[in-house]
Amino acid sequence: FNVMMRLRTQDDWNYLQKSFGVRKKDGGTFYADVTGDLKTWLADDLDSGEMDEVREILLSQGINY
Protein backbone atom coordinates (compact mmCIF):
# COMPACT_ATOMS: atom_id res chain seq x y z
CA PHE A 1 0.00 0.00 0.00
CA ASN A 2 2.91 2.33 0.72
CA VAL A 3 4.25 1.92 -2.81
CA MET A 4 0.81 2.54 -4.32
CA MET A 5 0.44 5.70 -2.25
CA ARG A 6 3.70 7.08 -3.68
CA LEU A 7 2.53 6.78 -7.29
CA ARG A 8 1.51 10.17 -8.66
CA THR A 9 0.78 9.65 -12.36
CA GLN A 10 -0.39 7.04 -14.84
CA ASP A 11 3.19 6.95 -16.10
CA ASP A 12 4.37 5.98 -12.58
CA TRP A 13 1.90 3.07 -12.54
CA ASN A 14 2.85 2.00 -16.06
CA TYR A 15 6.54 2.09 -15.15
CA LEU A 16 5.94 0.01 -12.02
CA GLN A 17 4.07 -2.60 -14.04
CA LYS A 18 6.78 -2.67 -16.71
CA SER A 19 9.55 -2.95 -14.11
CA PHE A 20 7.75 -5.84 -12.39
CA GLY A 21 7.49 -7.69 -15.69
CA VAL A 22 6.16 -11.24 -15.74
CA ARG A 23 7.20 -13.50 -12.90
CA LYS A 24 6.53 -17.01 -11.74
CA LYS A 25 5.58 -17.69 -8.14
CA ASP A 26 5.82 -21.17 -6.68
CA GLY A 27 2.42 -21.99 -5.25
CA GLY A 28 3.82 -24.43 -2.73
CA THR A 29 2.51 -27.86 -1.90
CA PHE A 30 -1.22 -27.20 -2.04
CA TYR A 31 -1.51 -24.28 -4.44
CA ALA A 32 -0.94 -23.89 -8.15
CA ASP A 33 2.00 -21.88 -9.45
CA VAL A 34 1.14 -18.38 -10.60
CA THR A 35 2.78 -16.79 -13.63
CA GLY A 36 1.78 -13.28 -14.48
CA ASP A 37 2.24 -9.57 -14.33
CA LEU A 38 1.83 -7.25 -11.34
CA LYS A 39 -1.97 -7.19 -11.62
CA THR A 40 -2.06 -11.00 -11.57
CA TRP A 41 0.13 -11.13 -8.48
CA LEU A 42 -1.91 -8.50 -6.67
CA ALA A 43 -5.13 -10.36 -7.45
CA ASP A 44 -3.58 -13.59 -6.17
CA ASP A 45 -2.11 -12.11 -2.97
CA LEU A 46 -4.81 -9.66 -1.86
CA ASP A 47 -8.36 -10.29 -0.76
CA SER A 48 -11.23 -8.32 -2.30
CA GLY A 49 -11.13 -5.61 0.39
CA GLU A 50 -7.42 -5.07 -0.09
CA MET A 51 -7.87 -4.95 -3.87
CA ASP A 52 -10.57 -2.31 -3.41
CA GLU A 53 -8.15 -0.30 -1.27
CA VAL A 54 -5.45 -0.50 -3.97
CA ARG A 55 -7.94 0.65 -6.61
CA GLU A 56 -9.10 3.54 -4.38
CA ILE A 57 -5.53 4.67 -3.79
CA LEU A 58 -4.79 4.66 -7.51
CA LEU A 59 -8.08 6.34 -8.45
CA SER A 60 -7.45 9.10 -5.90
CA GLN A 61 -4.35 9.94 -7.94
CA GLY A 62 -6.21 9.77 -11.25
CA ILE A 63 -4.56 6.47 -12.16
CA ASN A 64 -6.49 3.82 -14.07
CA TYR A 65 -5.94 0.34 -12.69
PDB file of N, CA and C in Angstrom:
ATOM      1  N   PHE A   1       0.825  -1.184   0.000  1.00  0.00           N
ATOM      2  CA  PHE A   1       0.000   0.000   0.000  1.00  0.00           C
ATOM      3  C   PHE A   1       0.874   1.255   0.000  1.00  0.00           C
ATOM      4  N   ASN A   2       2.005   1.176   0.683  1.00  0.00           N
ATOM      5  CA  ASN A   2       2.909   2.334   0.716  1.00  0.00           C
ATOM      6  C   ASN A   2       3.422   2.685  -0.673  1.00  0.00           C
ATOM      7  N   VAL A   3       3.754   1.671  -1.450  1.00  0.00           N
ATOM      8  CA  VAL A   3       4.246   1.921  -2.808  1.00  0.00           C
ATOM      9  C   VAL A   3       3.136   2.544  -3.644  1.00  0.00           C
ATOM     10  N   MET A   4       1.935   2.013  -3.543  1.00  0.00           N
ATOM     11  CA  MET A   4       0.805   2.542  -4.317  1.00  0.00           C
ATOM     12  C   MET A   4       0.532   4.005  -3.966  1.00  0.00           C
ATOM     13  N   MET A   5       0.704   4.335  -2.694  1.00  0.00           N
ATOM     14  CA  MET A   5       0.437   5.704  -2.252  1.00  0.00           C
ATOM     15  C   MET A   5       1.475   6.691  -2.770  1.00  0.00           C
ATOM     16  N   ARG A   6       2.650   6.188  -3.158  1.00  0.00           N
ATOM     17  CA  ARG A   6       3.699   7.076  -3.681  1.00  0.00           C
ATOM     18  C   ARG A   6       3.568   7.334  -5.174  1.00  0.00           C
ATOM     19  N   LEU A   7       2.728   6.557  -5.855  1.00  0.00           N
ATOM     20  CA  LEU A   7       2.526   6.780  -7.293  1.00  0.00           C
ATOM     21  C   LEU A   7       1.739   8.070  -7.496  1.00  0.00           C
ATOM     22  N   ARG A   8       2.158   8.878  -8.450  1.00  0.00           N
ATOM     23  CA  ARG A   8       1.508  10.173  -8.663  1.00  0.00           C
ATOM     24  C   ARG A   8       0.839  10.297 -10.032  1.00  0.00           C
ATOM     25  N   THR A   9       1.307   9.508 -11.005  1.00  0.00           N
ATOM     26  CA  THR A   9       0.784   9.652 -12.359  1.00  0.00           C
ATOM     27  C   THR A   9       0.547   8.276 -12.981  1.00  0.00           C
ATOM     28  N   GLN A  10      -0.180   8.279 -14.080  1.00  0.00           N
ATOM     29  CA  GLN A  10      -0.392   7.043 -14.836  1.00  0.00           C
ATOM     30  C   GLN A  10       0.940   6.490 -15.315  1.00  0.00           C
ATOM     31  N   ASP A  11       1.860   7.388 -15.672  1.00  0.00           N
ATOM     32  CA  ASP A  11       3.189   6.947 -16.105  1.00  0.00           C
ATOM     33  C   ASP A  11       3.922   6.213 -14.985  1.00  0.00           C
ATOM     34  N   ASP A  12       3.762   6.675 -13.724  1.00  0.00           N
ATOM     35  CA  ASP A  12       4.369   5.975 -12.583  1.00  0.00           C
ATOM     36  C   ASP A  12       3.839   4.543 -12.486  1.00  0.00           C
ATOM     37  N   TRP A  13       2.530   4.382 -12.612  1.00  0.00           N
ATOM     38  CA  TRP A  13       1.896   3.065 -12.543  1.00  0.00           C
ATOM     39  C   TRP A  13       2.361   2.185 -13.698  1.00  0.00           C
ATOM     40  N   ASN A  14       2.399   2.764 -14.886  1.00  0.00           N
ATOM     41  CA  ASN A  14       2.845   2.005 -16.060  1.00  0.00           C
ATOM     42  C   ASN A  14       4.298   1.554 -15.904  1.00  0.00           C
ATOM     43  N   TYR A  15       5.135   2.430 -15.369  1.00  0.00           N
ATOM     44  CA  TYR A  15       6.538   2.093 -15.153  1.00  0.00           C
ATOM     45  C   TYR A  15       6.673   0.976 -14.118  1.00  0.00           C
ATOM     46  N   LEU A  16       5.902   1.055 -13.047  1.00  0.00           N
ATOM     47  CA  LEU A  16       5.936   0.014 -12.017  1.00  0.00           C
ATOM     48  C   LEU A  16       5.556  -1.334 -12.610  1.00  0.00           C
ATOM     49  N   GLN A  17       4.497  -1.354 -13.412  1.00  0.00           N
ATOM     50  CA  GLN A  17       4.073  -2.605 -14.045  1.00  0.00           C
ATOM     51  C   GLN A  17       5.152  -3.150 -14.988  1.00  0.00           C
ATOM     52  N   LYS A  18       5.741  -2.248 -15.771  1.00  0.00           N
ATOM     53  CA  LYS A  18       6.776  -2.667 -16.715  1.00  0.00           C
ATOM     54  C   LYS A  18       8.003  -3.196 -15.969  1.00  0.00           C
ATOM     55  N   SER A  19       8.388  -2.524 -14.900  1.00  0.00           N
ATOM     56  CA  SER A  19       9.545  -2.945 -14.112  1.00  0.00           C
ATOM     57  C   SER A  19       9.310  -4.301 -13.456  1.00  0.00           C
ATOM     58  N   PHE A  20       8.088  -4.555 -13.013  1.00  0.00           N
ATOM     59  CA  PHE A  20       7.750  -5.836 -12.388  1.00  0.00           C
ATOM     60  C   PHE A  20       7.862  -6.962 -13.407  1.00  0.00           C
ATOM     61  N   GLY A  21       7.416  -6.696 -14.620  1.00  0.00           N
ATOM     62  CA  GLY A  21       7.494  -7.689 -15.686  1.00  0.00           C
ATOM     63  C   GLY A  21       6.542  -8.851 -15.455  1.00  0.00           C
ATOM     64  N   VAL A  22       6.920 -10.006 -15.940  1.00  0.00           N
ATOM     65  CA  VAL A  22       6.157 -11.241 -15.743  1.00  0.00           C
ATOM     66  C   VAL A  22       7.022 -12.170 -14.907  1.00  0.00           C
ATOM     67  N   ARG A  23       6.449 -12.646 -13.814  1.00  0.00           N
ATOM     68  CA  ARG A  23       7.201 -13.498 -12.899  1.00  0.00           C
ATOM     69  C   ARG A  23       6.412 -14.760 -12.582  1.00  0.00           C
ATOM     70  N   LYS A  24       7.155 -15.761 -12.156  1.00  0.00           N
ATOM     71  CA  LYS A  24       6.527 -17.010 -11.744  1.00  0.00           C
ATOM     72  C   LYS A  24       6.677 -17.140 -10.232  1.00  0.00           C
ATOM     73  N   LYS A  25       5.579 -17.492  -9.574  1.00  0.00           N
ATOM     74  CA  LYS A  25       5.577 -17.689  -8.136  1.00  0.00           C
ATOM     75  C   LYS A  25       5.235 -19.145  -7.855  1.00  0.00           C
ATOM     76  N   ASP A  26       6.070 -19.787  -7.068  1.00  0.00           N
ATOM     77  CA  ASP A  26       5.825 -21.167  -6.675  1.00  0.00           C
ATOM     78  C   ASP A  26       4.652 -21.191  -5.709  1.00  0.00           C
ATOM     79  N   GLY A  27       3.615 -21.923  -6.072  1.00  0.00           N
ATOM     80  CA  GLY A  27       2.421 -21.992  -5.248  1.00  0.00           C
ATOM     81  C   GLY A  27       2.572 -22.843  -4.004  1.00  0.00           C
ATOM     82  N   GLY A  28       3.646 -23.578  -3.886  1.00  0.00           N
ATOM     83  CA  GLY A  28       3.824 -24.426  -2.726  1.00  0.00           C
ATOM     84  C   GLY A  28       3.155 -25.781  -2.922  1.00  0.00           C
ATOM     85  N   THR A  29       3.023 -26.499  -1.856  1.00  0.00           N
ATOM     86  CA  THR A  29       2.511 -27.864  -1.904  1.00  0.00           C
ATOM     87  C   THR A  29       1.059 -27.949  -2.347  1.00  0.00           C
ATOM     88  N   PHE A  30       0.223 -27.074  -1.825  1.00  0.00           N
ATOM     89  CA  PHE A  30      -1.218 -27.200  -2.041  1.00  0.00           C
ATOM     90  C   PHE A  30      -1.793 -26.226  -3.054  1.00  0.00           C
ATOM     91  N   TYR A  31      -1.003 -25.318  -3.546  1.00  0.00           N
ATOM     92  CA  TYR A  31      -1.512 -24.278  -4.438  1.00  0.00           C
ATOM     93  C   TYR A  31      -0.813 -24.338  -5.781  1.00  0.00           C
ATOM     94  N   ALA A  32      -1.511 -23.908  -6.811  1.00  0.00           N
ATOM     95  CA  ALA A  32      -0.936 -23.888  -8.152  1.00  0.00           C
ATOM     96  C   ALA A  32       0.072 -22.754  -8.276  1.00  0.00           C
ATOM     97  N   ASP A  33       1.052 -22.955  -9.137  1.00  0.00           N
ATOM     98  CA  ASP A  33       1.997 -21.883  -9.452  1.00  0.00           C
ATOM     99  C   ASP A  33       1.239 -20.753 -10.138  1.00  0.00           C
ATOM    100  N   VAL A  34       1.733 -19.540  -9.951  1.00  0.00           N
ATOM    101  CA  VAL A  34       1.135 -18.376 -10.600  1.00  0.00           C
ATOM    102  C   VAL A  34       2.199 -17.731 -11.464  1.00  0.00           C
ATOM    103  N   THR A  35       1.897 -17.535 -12.728  1.00  0.00           N
ATOM    104  CA  THR A  35       2.775 -16.795 -13.626  1.00  0.00           C
ATOM    105  C   THR A  35       1.983 -15.628 -14.167  1.00  0.00           C
ATOM    106  N   GLY A  36       2.515 -14.424 -13.985  1.00  0.00           N
ATOM    107  CA  GLY A  36       1.783 -13.277 -14.484  1.00  0.00           C
ATOM    108  C   GLY A  36       2.458 -11.960 -14.169  1.00  0.00           C
ATOM    109  N   ASP A  37       1.749 -10.919 -14.539  1.00  0.00           N
ATOM    110  CA  ASP A  37       2.244  -9.567 -14.326  1.00  0.00           C
ATOM    111  C   ASP A  37       1.839  -9.086 -12.932  1.00  0.00           C
ATOM    112  N   LEU A  38       2.102  -7.824 -12.656  1.00  0.00           N
ATOM    113  CA  LEU A  38       1.828  -7.246 -11.342  1.00  0.00           C
ATOM    114  C   LEU A  38       0.352  -7.364 -10.967  1.00  0.00           C
ATOM    115  N   LYS A  39      -0.541  -7.096 -11.901  1.00  0.00           N
ATOM    116  CA  LYS A  39      -1.969  -7.193 -11.615  1.00  0.00           C
ATOM    117  C   LYS A  39      -2.355  -8.618 -11.225  1.00  0.00           C
ATOM    118  N   THR A  40      -1.783  -9.598 -11.887  1.00  0.00           N
ATOM    119  CA  THR A  40      -2.060 -10.998 -11.571  1.00  0.00           C
ATOM    120  C   THR A  40      -1.589 -11.327 -10.165  1.00  0.00           C
ATOM    121  N   TRP A  41      -0.402 -10.865  -9.820  1.00  0.00           N
ATOM    122  CA  TRP A  41       0.133 -11.134  -8.484  1.00  0.00           C
ATOM    123  C   TRP A  41      -0.701 -10.448  -7.410  1.00  0.00           C
ATOM    124  N   LEU A  42      -1.085  -9.196  -7.654  1.00  0.00           N
ATOM    125  CA  LEU A  42      -1.913  -8.499  -6.674  1.00  0.00           C
ATOM    126  C   LEU A  42      -3.231  -9.235  -6.461  1.00  0.00           C
ATOM    127  N   ALA A  43      -3.859  -9.645  -7.550  1.00  0.00           N
ATOM    128  CA  ALA A  43      -5.131 -10.357  -7.454  1.00  0.00           C
ATOM    129  C   ALA A  43      -4.970 -11.675  -6.706  1.00  0.00           C
ATOM    130  N   ASP A  44      -3.829 -12.318  -6.841  1.00  0.00           N
ATOM    131  CA  ASP A  44      -3.583 -13.589  -6.166  1.00  0.00           C
ATOM    132  C   ASP A  44      -3.282 -13.396  -4.684  1.00  0.00           C
ATOM    133  N   ASP A  45      -2.570 -12.318  -4.345  1.00  0.00           N
ATOM    134  CA  ASP A  45      -2.114 -12.110  -2.970  1.00  0.00           C
ATOM    135  C   ASP A  45      -3.112 -11.376  -2.084  1.00  0.00           C
ATOM    136  N   LEU A  46      -3.931 -10.522  -2.658  1.00  0.00           N
ATOM    137  CA  LEU A  46      -4.808  -9.664  -1.858  1.00  0.00           C
ATOM    138  C   LEU A  46      -6.243 -10.178  -1.870  1.00  0.00           C
ATOM    139  N   ASP A  47      -6.940  -9.950  -0.763  1.00  0.00           N
ATOM    140  CA  ASP A  47      -8.361 -10.287  -0.762  1.00  0.00           C
ATOM    141  C   ASP A  47      -9.134  -9.142  -1.402  1.00  0.00           C
ATOM    142  N   SER A  48     -10.433  -9.312  -1.558  1.00  0.00           N
ATOM    143  CA  SER A  48     -11.227  -8.318  -2.297  1.00  0.00           C
ATOM    144  C   SER A  48     -11.207  -6.943  -1.628  1.00  0.00           C
ATOM    145  N   GLY A  49     -11.192  -6.897  -0.313  1.00  0.00           N
ATOM    146  CA  GLY A  49     -11.134  -5.613   0.386  1.00  0.00           C
ATOM    147  C   GLY A  49      -9.819  -4.895   0.153  1.00  0.00           C
ATOM    148  N   GLU A  50      -8.738  -5.656   0.164  1.00  0.00           N
ATOM    149  CA  GLU A  50      -7.421  -5.070  -0.088  1.00  0.00           C
ATOM    150  C   GLU A  50      -7.307  -4.596  -1.532  1.00  0.00           C
ATOM    151  N   MET A  51      -7.870  -5.371  -2.462  1.00  0.00           N
ATOM    152  CA  MET A  51      -7.866  -4.947  -3.873  1.00  0.00           C
ATOM    153  C   MET A  51      -8.650  -3.656  -4.039  1.00  0.00           C
ATOM    154  N   ASP A  52      -9.789  -3.546  -3.353  1.00  0.00           N
ATOM    155  CA  ASP A  52     -10.565  -2.307  -3.407  1.00  0.00           C
ATOM    156  C   ASP A  52      -9.752  -1.135  -2.887  1.00  0.00           C
ATOM    157  N   GLU A  53      -8.977  -1.371  -1.834  1.00  0.00           N
ATOM    158  CA  GLU A  53      -8.147  -0.305  -1.273  1.00  0.00           C
ATOM    159  C   GLU A  53      -7.069   0.133  -2.272  1.00  0.00           C
ATOM    160  N   VAL A  54      -6.457  -0.821  -2.952  1.00  0.00           N
ATOM    161  CA  VAL A  54      -5.450  -0.497  -3.970  1.00  0.00           C
ATOM    162  C   VAL A  54      -6.088   0.343  -5.074  1.00  0.00           C
ATOM    163  N   ARG A  55      -7.247  -0.097  -5.547  1.00  0.00           N
ATOM    164  CA  ARG A  55      -7.936   0.654  -6.612  1.00  0.00           C
ATOM    165  C   ARG A  55      -8.291   2.069  -6.156  1.00  0.00           C
ATOM    166  N   GLU A  56      -8.756   2.212  -4.913  1.00  0.00           N
ATOM    167  CA  GLU A  56      -9.104   3.538  -4.385  1.00  0.00           C
ATOM    168  C   GLU A  56      -7.876   4.439  -4.302  1.00  0.00           C
ATOM    169  N   ILE A  57      -6.770   3.882  -3.869  1.00  0.00           N
ATOM    170  CA  ILE A  57      -5.529   4.672  -3.789  1.00  0.00           C
ATOM    171  C   ILE A  57      -5.147   5.171  -5.177  1.00  0.00           C
ATOM    172  N   LEU A  58      -5.175   4.274  -6.155  1.00  0.00           N
ATOM    173  CA  LEU A  58      -4.791   4.658  -7.513  1.00  0.00           C
ATOM    174  C   LEU A  58      -5.788   5.671  -8.092  1.00  0.00           C
ATOM    175  N   LEU A  59      -7.078   5.415  -7.913  1.00  0.00           N
ATOM    176  CA  LEU A  59      -8.083   6.337  -8.446  1.00  0.00           C
ATOM    177  C   LEU A  59      -7.976   7.720  -7.824  1.00  0.00           C
ATOM    178  N   SER A  60      -7.597   7.790  -6.550  1.00  0.00           N
ATOM    179  CA  SER A  60      -7.449   9.100  -5.898  1.00  0.00           C
ATOM    180  C   SER A  60      -6.341   9.927  -6.537  1.00  0.00           C
ATOM    181  N   GLN A  61      -5.423   9.261  -7.231  1.00  0.00           N
ATOM    182  CA  GLN A  61      -4.348   9.944  -7.938  1.00  0.00           C
ATOM    183  C   GLN A  61      -4.649  10.092  -9.430  1.00  0.00           C
ATOM    184  N   GLY A  62      -5.850   9.668  -9.840  1.00  0.00           N
ATOM    185  CA  GLY A  62      -6.211   9.766 -11.246  1.00  0.00           C
ATOM    186  C   GLY A  62      -5.587   8.682 -12.107  1.00  0.00           C
ATOM    187  N   ILE A  63      -5.230   7.564 -11.459  1.00  0.00           N
ATOM    188  CA  ILE A  63      -4.561   6.470 -12.162  1.00  0.00           C
ATOM    189  C   ILE A  63      -5.568   5.365 -12.438  1.00  0.00           C
ATOM    190  N   ASN A  64      -5.610   4.921 -13.687  1.00  0.00           N
ATOM    191  CA  ASN A  64      -6.488   3.822 -14.071  1.00  0.00           C
ATOM    192  C   ASN A  64      -5.804   2.508 -13.783  1.00  0.00           C
ATOM    193  N   TYR A  65      -6.469   1.670 -13.000  1.00  0.00           N
ATOM    194  CA  TYR A  65      -5.938   0.344 -12.686  1.00  0.00           C
ATOM    195  C   TYR A  65      -6.113  -0.526 -13.888  1.00  0.00           C
TER     196      TYR A  65
END
